[in-house]
Amino acid sequence: MRKVGYNYETISPIPADKQLWDRVNNQLVFSRNGVTWQRVVKNGVISPRELKDDRDWKREAEQATFLPYGTTDDAWDWGQVYPHHPPLVVGDEIRFYYGGTRNRHWLNYHPEPINSGVGLATLRLDGFVSVNAGTDAGTLTTKPLVFFGDTLEINANAEGGSLTVEALDTDGKVIEGFGAAECTPIITDSVRHVMKWKDNADCHLLQARPIKLRFHLKNTKLYAFEPRILHNHYLQSYD
């Protein structure tokens, strides 16, 4: 869910060095239960408890922009932007239609010719957040999960880098045949990479068992992963 970020309400003349005043952008908040909400800023999520911290909240707010207004004073959305309706998932991207205007919030006090329209902003599927690794390789290990699927699908951008995955049992030991050294590295950008290991073209041997996944990343952005069922598997019947 997006929220409006309103910068410095004022009906006074706007100083030349205060062009942020009386303009509106969009920021992000989210909730898992519809009751408790968390705000997203530049470096991650702020919990309700952290809202009481002694921080530079002005700076935090300025850096929390998700959908910004226009960058030049002749842009049609320079003054204000507002959510038009809930985000739409179309294929492999998320679309955000928004209403915008060149005019400031207090239009009657800062009169200018009306200029407005509807804009479109896009994200890759599940592109709200990513785990990033630079030239120094890093790892990410999941909590234990029950793997329901025969395929591990990865949303990641590994152009100029690499991503491999290994499957661990609940004791943290690598499951035979699913080690990082046996994994075919991801080295491209896609929302639907399919992971493969040398002796295992899919993950049906992991299906319905508790495991952990350990991702090895270098110059990579990892957005999401998903166990999926893409194949039909047949079991021999016995009389």
C-alpha atoms as a PDB file:
ATOM      1  CA  MET A   1       0.000   0.000   0.000  1.00  0.00           C
ATOM      2  CA  ARG A   2       1.233   3.487  -0.802  1.00  0.00           C
ATOM      3  CA  LYS A   3       0.856   6.551   1.360  1.00  0.00           C
ATOM      4  CA  VAL A   4       1.140  10.198   0.472  1.00  0.00           C
ATOM      5  CA  GLY A   5       4.287  12.059   1.472  1.00  0.00           C
ATOM      6  CA  TYR A   6       3.428  15.730   1.900  1.00  0.00           C
ATOM      7  CA  ASN A   7       6.370  18.103   2.141  1.00  0.00           C
ATOM      8  CA  TYR A   8       6.084  21.260   4.244  1.00  0.00           C
ATOM      9  CA  GLU A   9       2.532  22.575   4.052  1.00  0.00           C
ATOM     10  CA  THR A  10       2.590  26.322   3.531  1.00  0.00           C
ATOM     11  CA  ILE A  11       0.465  29.071   2.036  1.00  0.00           C
ATOM     12  CA  SER A  12       3.345  31.533   2.231  1.00  0.00           C
ATOM     13  CA  PRO A  13       5.452  32.419  -0.812  1.00  0.00           C
ATOM     14  CA  ILE A  14       7.878  29.600  -1.628  1.00  0.00           C
ATOM     15  CA  PRO A  15      11.566  30.609  -1.298  1.00  0.00           C
ATOM     16  CA  ALA A  16      13.732  29.800  -4.293  1.00  0.00           C
ATOM     17  CA  ASP A  17      15.818  27.387  -2.205  1.00  0.00           C
ATOM     18  CA  LYS A  18      12.758  25.577  -0.762  1.00  0.00           C
ATOM     19  CA  GLN A  19      11.200  24.098  -3.873  1.00  0.00           C
ATOM     20  CA  LEU A  20      10.205  20.928  -1.987  1.00  0.00           C
ATOM     21  CA  TRP A  21       7.590  22.881  -0.065  1.00  0.00           C
ATOM     22  CA  ASP A  22       3.923  22.202  -0.711  1.00  0.00           C
ATOM     23  CA  ARG A  23       4.515  19.229  -3.002  1.00  0.00           C
ATOM     24  CA  VAL A  24       3.304  15.622  -2.723  1.00  0.00           C
ATOM     25  CA  ASN A  25       5.032  12.310  -3.476  1.00  0.00           C
ATOM     26  CA  ASN A  26       4.220   8.675  -2.601  1.00  0.00           C
ATOM     27  CA  GLN A  27       5.843   6.432   0.003  1.00  0.00           C
ATOM     28  CA  LEU A  28       5.313   2.804   1.024  1.00  0.00           C
ATOM     29  CA  VAL A  29       3.709   1.232   4.068  1.00  0.00           C
ATOM     30  CA  PHE A  30       2.619  -2.392   4.500  1.00  0.00           C
ATOM     31  CA  SER A  31       0.783  -4.627   6.929  1.00  0.00           C
ATOM     32  CA  ARG A  32       0.501  -8.365   7.409  1.00  0.00           C
ATOM     33  CA  ASN A  33      -2.725  -8.114   9.385  1.00  0.00           C
ATOM     34  CA  GLY A  34      -4.389  -4.835   8.336  1.00  0.00           C
ATOM     35  CA  VAL A  35      -3.946  -3.462  11.865  1.00  0.00           C
ATOM     36  CA  THR A  36      -0.228  -2.903  12.468  1.00  0.00           C
ATOM     37  CA  TRP A  37       1.504  -0.957   9.721  1.00  0.00           C
ATOM     38  CA  GLN A  38       5.193  -0.550   8.965  1.00  0.00           C
ATOM     39  CA  ARG A  39       6.829   2.187   6.959  1.00  0.00           C
ATOM     40  CA  VAL A  40       9.517   1.571   4.346  1.00  0.00           C
ATOM     41  CA  VAL A  41      12.448   4.003   4.181  1.00  0.00           C
ATOM     42  CA  LYS A  42      15.682   4.012   2.194  1.00  0.00           C
ATOM     43  CA  ASN A  43      17.501   1.434   4.306  1.00  0.00           C
ATOM     44  CA  GLY A  44      14.609  -0.868   5.101  1.00  0.00           C
ATOM     45  CA  VAL A  45      11.523  -1.151   7.260  1.00  0.00           C
ATOM     46  CA  ILE A  46      10.823   0.958  10.350  1.00  0.00           C
ATOM     47  CA  SER A  47       8.950  -0.930  13.035  1.00  0.00           C
ATOM     48  CA  PRO A  48       6.333   0.867  15.174  1.00  0.00           C
ATOM     49  CA  ARG A  49       8.764   0.734  18.116  1.00  0.00           C
ATOM     50  CA  GLU A  50      11.473   2.517  16.097  1.00  0.00           C
ATOM     51  CA  LEU A  51       9.178   5.449  15.411  1.00  0.00           C
ATOM     52  CA  LYS A  52      10.053   6.664  18.917  1.00  0.00           C
ATOM     53  CA  ASP A  53      13.784   6.747  18.149  1.00  0.00           C
ATOM     54  CA  ASP A  54      15.724   9.995  18.061  1.00  0.00           C
ATOM     55  CA  ARG A  55      16.450  10.090  14.341  1.00  0.00           C
ATOM     56  CA  ASP A  56      16.595  12.677  11.594  1.00  0.00           C
ATOM     57  CA  TRP A  57      13.017  12.021  10.513  1.00  0.00           C
ATOM     58  CA  LYS A  58      13.062  14.885   8.019  1.00  0.00           C
ATOM     59  CA  ARG A  59      15.925  13.205   6.187  1.00  0.00           C
ATOM     60  CA  GLU A  60      14.281   9.781   6.510  1.00  0.00           C
ATOM     61  CA  ALA A  61      11.088  11.134   4.941  1.00  0.00           C
ATOM     62  CA  GLU A  62      12.933  12.793   2.076  1.00  0.00           C
ATOM     63  CA  GLN A  63      14.714   9.516   1.271  1.00  0.00           C
ATOM     64  CA  ALA A  64      11.606   7.326   1.580  1.00  0.00           C
ATOM     65  CA  THR A  65      10.090   8.281  -1.762  1.00  0.00           C
ATOM     66  CA  PHE A  66       8.672   5.353  -3.740  1.00  0.00           C
ATOM     67  CA  LEU A  67       6.865   7.228  -6.521  1.00  0.00           C
ATOM     68  CA  PRO A  68       8.432  10.678  -6.955  1.00  0.00           C
ATOM     69  CA  TYR A  69       6.971  13.795  -8.488  1.00  0.00           C
ATOM     70  CA  GLY A  70       8.531  15.183 -11.653  1.00  0.00           C
ATOM     71  CA  THR A  71      12.119  16.394 -11.544  1.00  0.00           C
ATOM     72  CA  THR A  72      11.748  19.577 -13.621  1.00  0.00           C
ATOM     73  CA  ASP A  73       9.361  22.451 -12.978  1.00  0.00           C
ATOM     74  CA  ASP A  74       7.820  22.111 -16.441  1.00  0.00           C
ATOM     75  CA  ALA A  75       6.906  18.417 -15.909  1.00  0.00           C
ATOM     76  CA  TRP A  76       3.162  17.675 -15.772  1.00  0.00           C
ATOM     77  CA  ASP A  77       3.624  15.777 -12.465  1.00  0.00           C
ATOM     78  CA  TRP A  78       6.112  18.198 -10.882  1.00  0.00           C
ATOM     79  CA  GLY A  79       3.832  19.299  -8.025  1.00  0.00           C
ATOM     80  CA  GLN A  80       1.852  16.280  -6.860  1.00  0.00           C
ATOM     81  CA  VAL A  81       1.369  12.557  -7.513  1.00  0.00           C
ATOM     82  CA  TYR A  82      -1.377  10.325  -6.092  1.00  0.00           C
ATOM     83  CA  PRO A  83      -2.213   6.600  -6.401  1.00  0.00           C
ATOM     84  CA  HIS A  84      -4.794   6.075  -9.125  1.00  0.00           C
ATOM     85  CA  HIS A  85      -5.877   2.558  -8.087  1.00  0.00           C
ATOM     86  CA  PRO A  86      -4.264  -0.594  -6.614  1.00  0.00           C
ATOM     87  CA  PRO A  87      -1.186  -1.942  -8.422  1.00  0.00           C
ATOM     88  CA  LEU A  88      -1.838  -4.271 -11.360  1.00  0.00           C
ATOM     89  CA  VAL A  89       0.240  -7.363 -12.102  1.00  0.00           C
ATOM     90  CA  VAL A  90       0.546  -7.715 -15.883  1.00  0.00           C
ATOM     91  CA  GLY A  91       2.786 -10.515 -17.069  1.00  0.00           C
ATOM     92  CA  ASP A  92       6.130 -10.150 -15.336  1.00  0.00           C
ATOM     93  CA  GLU A  93       5.747  -6.559 -14.203  1.00  0.00           C
ATOM     94  CA  ILE A  94       3.789  -4.548 -11.643  1.00  0.00           C
ATOM     95  CA  ARG A  95       2.064  -1.437 -12.994  1.00  0.00           C
ATOM     96  CA  PHE A  96       1.247   1.634 -10.953  1.00  0.00           C
ATOM     97  CA  TYR A  97      -1.092   4.116 -12.578  1.00  0.00           C
ATOM     98  CA  TYR A  98      -1.066   7.486 -10.846  1.00  0.00           C
ATOM     99  CA  GLY A  99      -2.629  10.890 -11.161  1.00  0.00           C
ATOM    100  CA  GLY A 100      -0.319  13.883 -11.216  1.00  0.00           C
ATOM    101  CA  THR A 101      -0.317  17.622 -11.599  1.00  0.00           C
ATOM    102  CA  ARG A 102       2.283  20.308 -12.132  1.00  0.00           C
ATOM    103  CA  ASN A 103       0.537  22.467  -9.521  1.00  0.00           C
ATOM    104  CA  ARG A 104       1.326  22.642  -5.823  1.00  0.00           C
ATOM    105  CA  HIS A 105      -1.022  21.423  -3.114  1.00  0.00           C
ATOM    106  CA  TRP A 106      -2.226  24.885  -2.095  1.00  0.00           C
ATOM    107  CA  LEU A 107      -3.150  25.841  -5.633  1.00  0.00           C
ATOM    108  CA  ASN A 108      -5.203  28.872  -4.589  1.00  0.00           C
ATOM    109  CA  TYR A 109      -2.200  30.380  -2.834  1.00  0.00           C
ATOM    110  CA  HIS A 110       0.369  29.375  -5.441  1.00  0.00           C
ATOM    111  CA  PRO A 111      -1.633  29.922  -8.647  1.00  0.00           C
ATOM    112  CA  GLU A 112      -0.344  28.492 -11.892  1.00  0.00           C
ATOM    113  CA  PRO A 113      -2.066  27.226 -15.051  1.00  0.00           C
ATOM    114  CA  ILE A 114      -3.617  23.801 -14.424  1.00  0.00           C
ATOM    115  CA  ASN A 115      -1.608  20.968 -15.948  1.00  0.00           C
ATOM    116  CA  SER A 116      -2.411  17.377 -14.975  1.00  0.00           C
ATOM    117  CA  GLY A 117      -2.600  13.847 -16.311  1.00  0.00           C
ATOM    118  CA  VAL A 118      -2.324  10.125 -15.600  1.00  0.00           C
ATOM    119  CA  GLY A 119       1.080   8.420 -15.503  1.00  0.00           C
ATOM    120  CA  LEU A 120       2.404   4.862 -15.422  1.00  0.00           C
ATOM    121  CA  ALA A 121       5.296   3.561 -13.320  1.00  0.00           C
ATOM    122  CA  THR A 122       6.471  -0.063 -13.429  1.00  0.00           C
ATOM    123  CA  LEU A 123       8.442  -2.570 -11.358  1.00  0.00           C
ATOM    124  CA  ARG A 124       9.600  -6.066 -12.186  1.00  0.00           C
ATOM    125  CA  LEU A 125       7.484  -8.806 -10.590  1.00  0.00           C
ATOM    126  CA  ASP A 126       8.256  -8.953  -6.829  1.00  0.00           C
ATOM    127  CA  GLY A 127      10.581  -6.010  -7.389  1.00  0.00           C
ATOM    128  CA  PHE A 128       9.796  -4.032  -4.242  1.00  0.00           C
ATOM    129  CA  VAL A 129      12.898  -5.240  -2.415  1.00  0.00           C
ATOM    130  CA  SER A 130      16.027  -7.291  -3.103  1.00  0.00           C
ATOM    131  CA  VAL A 131      18.973  -8.813  -1.298  1.00  0.00           C
ATOM    132  CA  ASN A 132      22.095  -7.399  -2.942  1.00  0.00           C
ATOM    133  CA  ALA A 133      25.647  -8.705  -3.050  1.00  0.00           C
ATOM    134  CA  GLY A 134      28.573  -6.829  -4.584  1.00  0.00           C
ATOM    135  CA  THR A 135      31.987  -8.010  -5.690  1.00  0.00           C
ATOM    136  CA  ASP A 136      32.527  -9.556  -2.266  1.00  0.00           C
ATOM    137  CA  ALA A 137      30.466 -12.733  -2.442  1.00  0.00           C
ATOM    138  CA  GLY A 138      27.844 -13.290   0.244  1.00  0.00           C
ATOM    139  CA  THR A 139      25.387 -15.946   1.362  1.00  0.00           C
ATOM    140  CA  LEU A 140      21.782 -15.989   2.536  1.00  0.00           C
ATOM    141  CA  THR A 141      20.281 -18.996   4.328  1.00  0.00           C
ATOM    142  CA  THR A 142      16.535 -19.363   4.735  1.00  0.00           C
ATOM    143  CA  LYS A 143      14.681 -20.552   7.779  1.00  0.00           C
ATOM    144  CA  PRO A 144      13.548 -24.211   7.616  1.00  0.00           C
ATOM    145  CA  LEU A 145      10.734 -24.724   5.117  1.00  0.00           C
ATOM    146  CA  VAL A 146       8.856 -27.677   3.661  1.00  0.00           C
ATOM    147  CA  PHE A 147       9.581 -27.761  -0.049  1.00  0.00           C
ATOM    148  CA  PHE A 148       6.332 -28.409  -1.930  1.00  0.00           C
ATOM    149  CA  GLY A 149       7.328 -28.482  -5.567  1.00  0.00           C
ATOM    150  CA  ASP A 150       9.607 -30.082  -8.115  1.00  0.00           C
ATOM    151  CA  THR A 151      11.199 -26.863  -9.362  1.00  0.00           C
ATOM    152  CA  LEU A 152      12.963 -23.972  -7.677  1.00  0.00           C
ATOM    153  CA  GLU A 153      12.224 -20.766  -9.555  1.00  0.00           C
ATOM    154  CA  ILE A 154      14.379 -17.700  -8.863  1.00  0.00           C
ATOM    155  CA  ASN A 155      13.719 -14.008  -9.546  1.00  0.00           C
ATOM    156  CA  ALA A 156      17.166 -12.418  -9.741  1.00  0.00           C
ATOM    157  CA  ASN A 157      19.460 -10.165 -11.718  1.00  0.00           C
ATOM    158  CA  ALA A 158      22.901 -11.784 -11.904  1.00  0.00           C
ATOM    159  CA  GLU A 159      24.224  -9.982 -14.971  1.00  0.00           C
ATOM    160  CA  GLY A 160      27.955  -9.531 -14.431  1.00  0.00           C
ATOM    161  CA  GLY A 161      27.839 -11.868 -11.432  1.00  0.00           C
ATOM    162  CA  SER A 162      26.558 -15.277 -10.383  1.00  0.00           C
ATOM    163  CA  LEU A 163      24.046 -17.007  -8.147  1.00  0.00           C
ATOM    164  CA  THR A 164      24.073 -20.608  -6.980  1.00  0.00           C
ATOM    165  CA  VAL A 165      21.880 -22.444  -4.477  1.00  0.00           C
ATOM    166  CA  GLU A 166      22.399 -25.446  -2.238  1.00  0.00           C
ATOM    167  CA  ALA A 167      19.805 -27.389  -0.271  1.00  0.00           C
ATOM    168  CA  LEU A 168      20.504 -28.225   3.389  1.00  0.00           C
ATOM    169  CA  ASP A 169      18.797 -30.601   5.746  1.00  0.00           C
ATOM    170  CA  THR A 170      17.442 -29.329   9.054  1.00  0.00           C
ATOM    171  CA  ASP A 171      20.851 -29.933  10.669  1.00  0.00           C
ATOM    172  CA  GLY A 172      22.486 -27.619   8.140  1.00  0.00           C
ATOM    173  CA  LYS A 173      24.213 -30.367   6.153  1.00  0.00           C
ATOM    174  CA  VAL A 174      24.247 -30.219   2.356  1.00  0.00           C
ATOM    175  CA  ILE A 175      21.822 -32.706   0.806  1.00  0.00           C
ATOM    176  CA  GLU A 176      23.626 -35.040  -1.584  1.00  0.00           C
ATOM    177  CA  GLY A 177      23.254 -33.926  -5.179  1.00  0.00           C
ATOM    178  CA  PHE A 178      22.138 -30.406  -4.256  1.00  0.00           C
ATOM    179  CA  GLY A 179      25.386 -28.689  -3.304  1.00  0.00           C
ATOM    180  CA  ALA A 180      26.509 -25.281  -4.513  1.00  0.00           C
ATOM    181  CA  ALA A 181      29.377 -26.830  -6.486  1.00  0.00           C
ATOM    182  CA  GLU A 182      26.882 -28.990  -8.397  1.00  0.00           C
ATOM    183  CA  CYS A 183      24.503 -26.113  -9.127  1.00  0.00           C
ATOM    184  CA  THR A 184      24.423 -24.527 -12.592  1.00  0.00           C
ATOM    185  CA  PRO A 185      25.105 -20.825 -11.892  1.00  0.00           C
ATOM    186  CA  ILE A 186      22.645 -18.091 -12.823  1.00  0.00           C
ATOM    187  CA  ILE A 187      24.483 -15.349 -14.703  1.00  0.00           C
ATOM    188  CA  THR A 188      21.628 -13.439 -16.383  1.00  0.00           C
ATOM    189  CA  ASP A 189      18.592 -11.333 -15.461  1.00  0.00           C
ATOM    190  CA  SER A 190      15.159 -12.988 -15.293  1.00  0.00           C
ATOM    191  CA  VAL A 191      12.126 -13.202 -13.039  1.00  0.00           C
ATOM    192  CA  ARG A 192      11.860 -16.939 -13.803  1.00  0.00           C
ATOM    193  CA  HIS A 193      15.243 -18.638 -13.560  1.00  0.00           C
ATOM    194  CA  VAL A 194      14.930 -22.413 -13.074  1.00  0.00           C
ATOM    195  CA  MET A 195      17.660 -23.876 -10.855  1.00  0.00           C
ATOM    196  CA  LYS A 196      19.410 -27.052 -11.968  1.00  0.00           C
ATOM    197  CA  TRP A 197      22.072 -29.302 -10.450  1.00  0.00           C
ATOM    198  CA  LYS A 198      24.395 -31.626 -12.372  1.00  0.00           C
ATOM    199  CA  ASP A 199      22.670 -34.868 -11.399  1.00  0.00           C
ATOM    200  CA  ASN A 200      19.245 -33.369 -10.738  1.00  0.00           C
ATOM    201  CA  ALA A 201      17.418 -31.535 -13.503  1.00  0.00           C
ATOM    202  CA  ASP A 202      14.656 -30.678 -11.042  1.00  0.00           C
ATOM    203  CA  CYS A 203      13.918 -30.749  -7.300  1.00  0.00           C
ATOM    204  CA  HIS A 204      11.415 -33.586  -7.007  1.00  0.00           C
ATOM    205  CA  LEU A 205      13.791 -35.397  -4.607  1.00  0.00           C
ATOM    206  CA  LEU A 206      13.349 -32.485  -2.203  1.00  0.00           C
ATOM    207  CA  GLN A 207       9.573 -32.476  -2.413  1.00  0.00           C
ATOM    208  CA  ALA A 208       7.651 -32.551   0.868  1.00  0.00           C
ATOM    209  CA  ARG A 209      10.764 -32.623   3.055  1.00  0.00           C
ATOM    210  CA  PRO A 210      11.934 -29.934   5.468  1.00  0.00           C
ATOM    211  CA  ILE A 211      14.995 -28.149   4.128  1.00  0.00           C
ATOM    212  CA  LYS A 212      16.881 -24.875   4.152  1.00  0.00           C
ATOM    213  CA  LEU A 213      18.115 -23.084   1.050  1.00  0.00           C
ATOM    214  CA  ARG A 214      21.456 -21.334   1.009  1.00  0.00           C
ATOM    215  CA  PHE A 215      22.002 -18.764  -1.734  1.00  0.00           C
ATOM    216  CA  HIS A 216      25.533 -17.842  -2.826  1.00  0.00           C
ATOM    217  CA  LEU A 217      25.552 -14.390  -4.419  1.00  0.00           C
ATOM    218  CA  LYS A 218      28.118 -12.256  -6.215  1.00  0.00           C
ATOM    219  CA  ASN A 219      27.239  -9.038  -8.056  1.00  0.00           C
ATOM    220  CA  THR A 220      23.621 -10.160  -7.847  1.00  0.00           C
ATOM    221  CA  LYS A 221      20.218  -8.873  -6.799  1.00  0.00           C
ATOM    222  CA  LEU A 222      17.929 -11.587  -5.433  1.00  0.00           C
ATOM    223  CA  TYR A 223      14.250 -10.566  -5.451  1.00  0.00           C
ATOM    224  CA  ALA A 224      12.299 -13.748  -4.743  1.00  0.00           C
ATOM    225  CA  PHE A 225      12.241 -17.533  -4.939  1.00  0.00           C
ATOM    226  CA  GLU A 226       9.325 -19.929  -5.292  1.00  0.00           C
ATOM    227  CA  PRO A 227       8.921 -23.722  -5.234  1.00  0.00           C
ATOM    228  CA  ARG A 228       6.734 -24.690  -8.180  1.00  0.00           C
ATOM    229  CA  ILE A 229       5.331 -27.879  -9.743  1.00  0.00           C
ATOM    230  CA  LEU A 230       6.151 -27.939 -13.445  1.00  0.00           C
ATOM    231  CA  HIS A 231       6.373 -31.688 -14.161  1.00  0.00           C
ATOM    232  CA  ASN A 232       4.218 -34.783 -13.923  1.00  0.00           C
ATOM    233  CA  HIS A 233       5.741 -37.538 -11.796  1.00  0.00           C
ATOM    234  CA  TYR A 234       4.462 -41.105 -11.946  1.00  0.00           C
ATOM    235  CA  LEU A 235       4.772 -43.695  -9.213  1.00  0.00           C
ATOM    236  CA  GLN A 236       4.782 -47.407  -9.945  1.00  0.00           C
ATOM    237  CA  SER A 237       1.656 -49.147  -8.690  1.00  0.00           C
ATOM    238  CA  TYR A 238       1.709 -52.475  -6.905  1.00  0.00           C
ATOM    239  CA  ASP A 239      -0.942 -55.164  -6.628  1.00  0.00           C
END
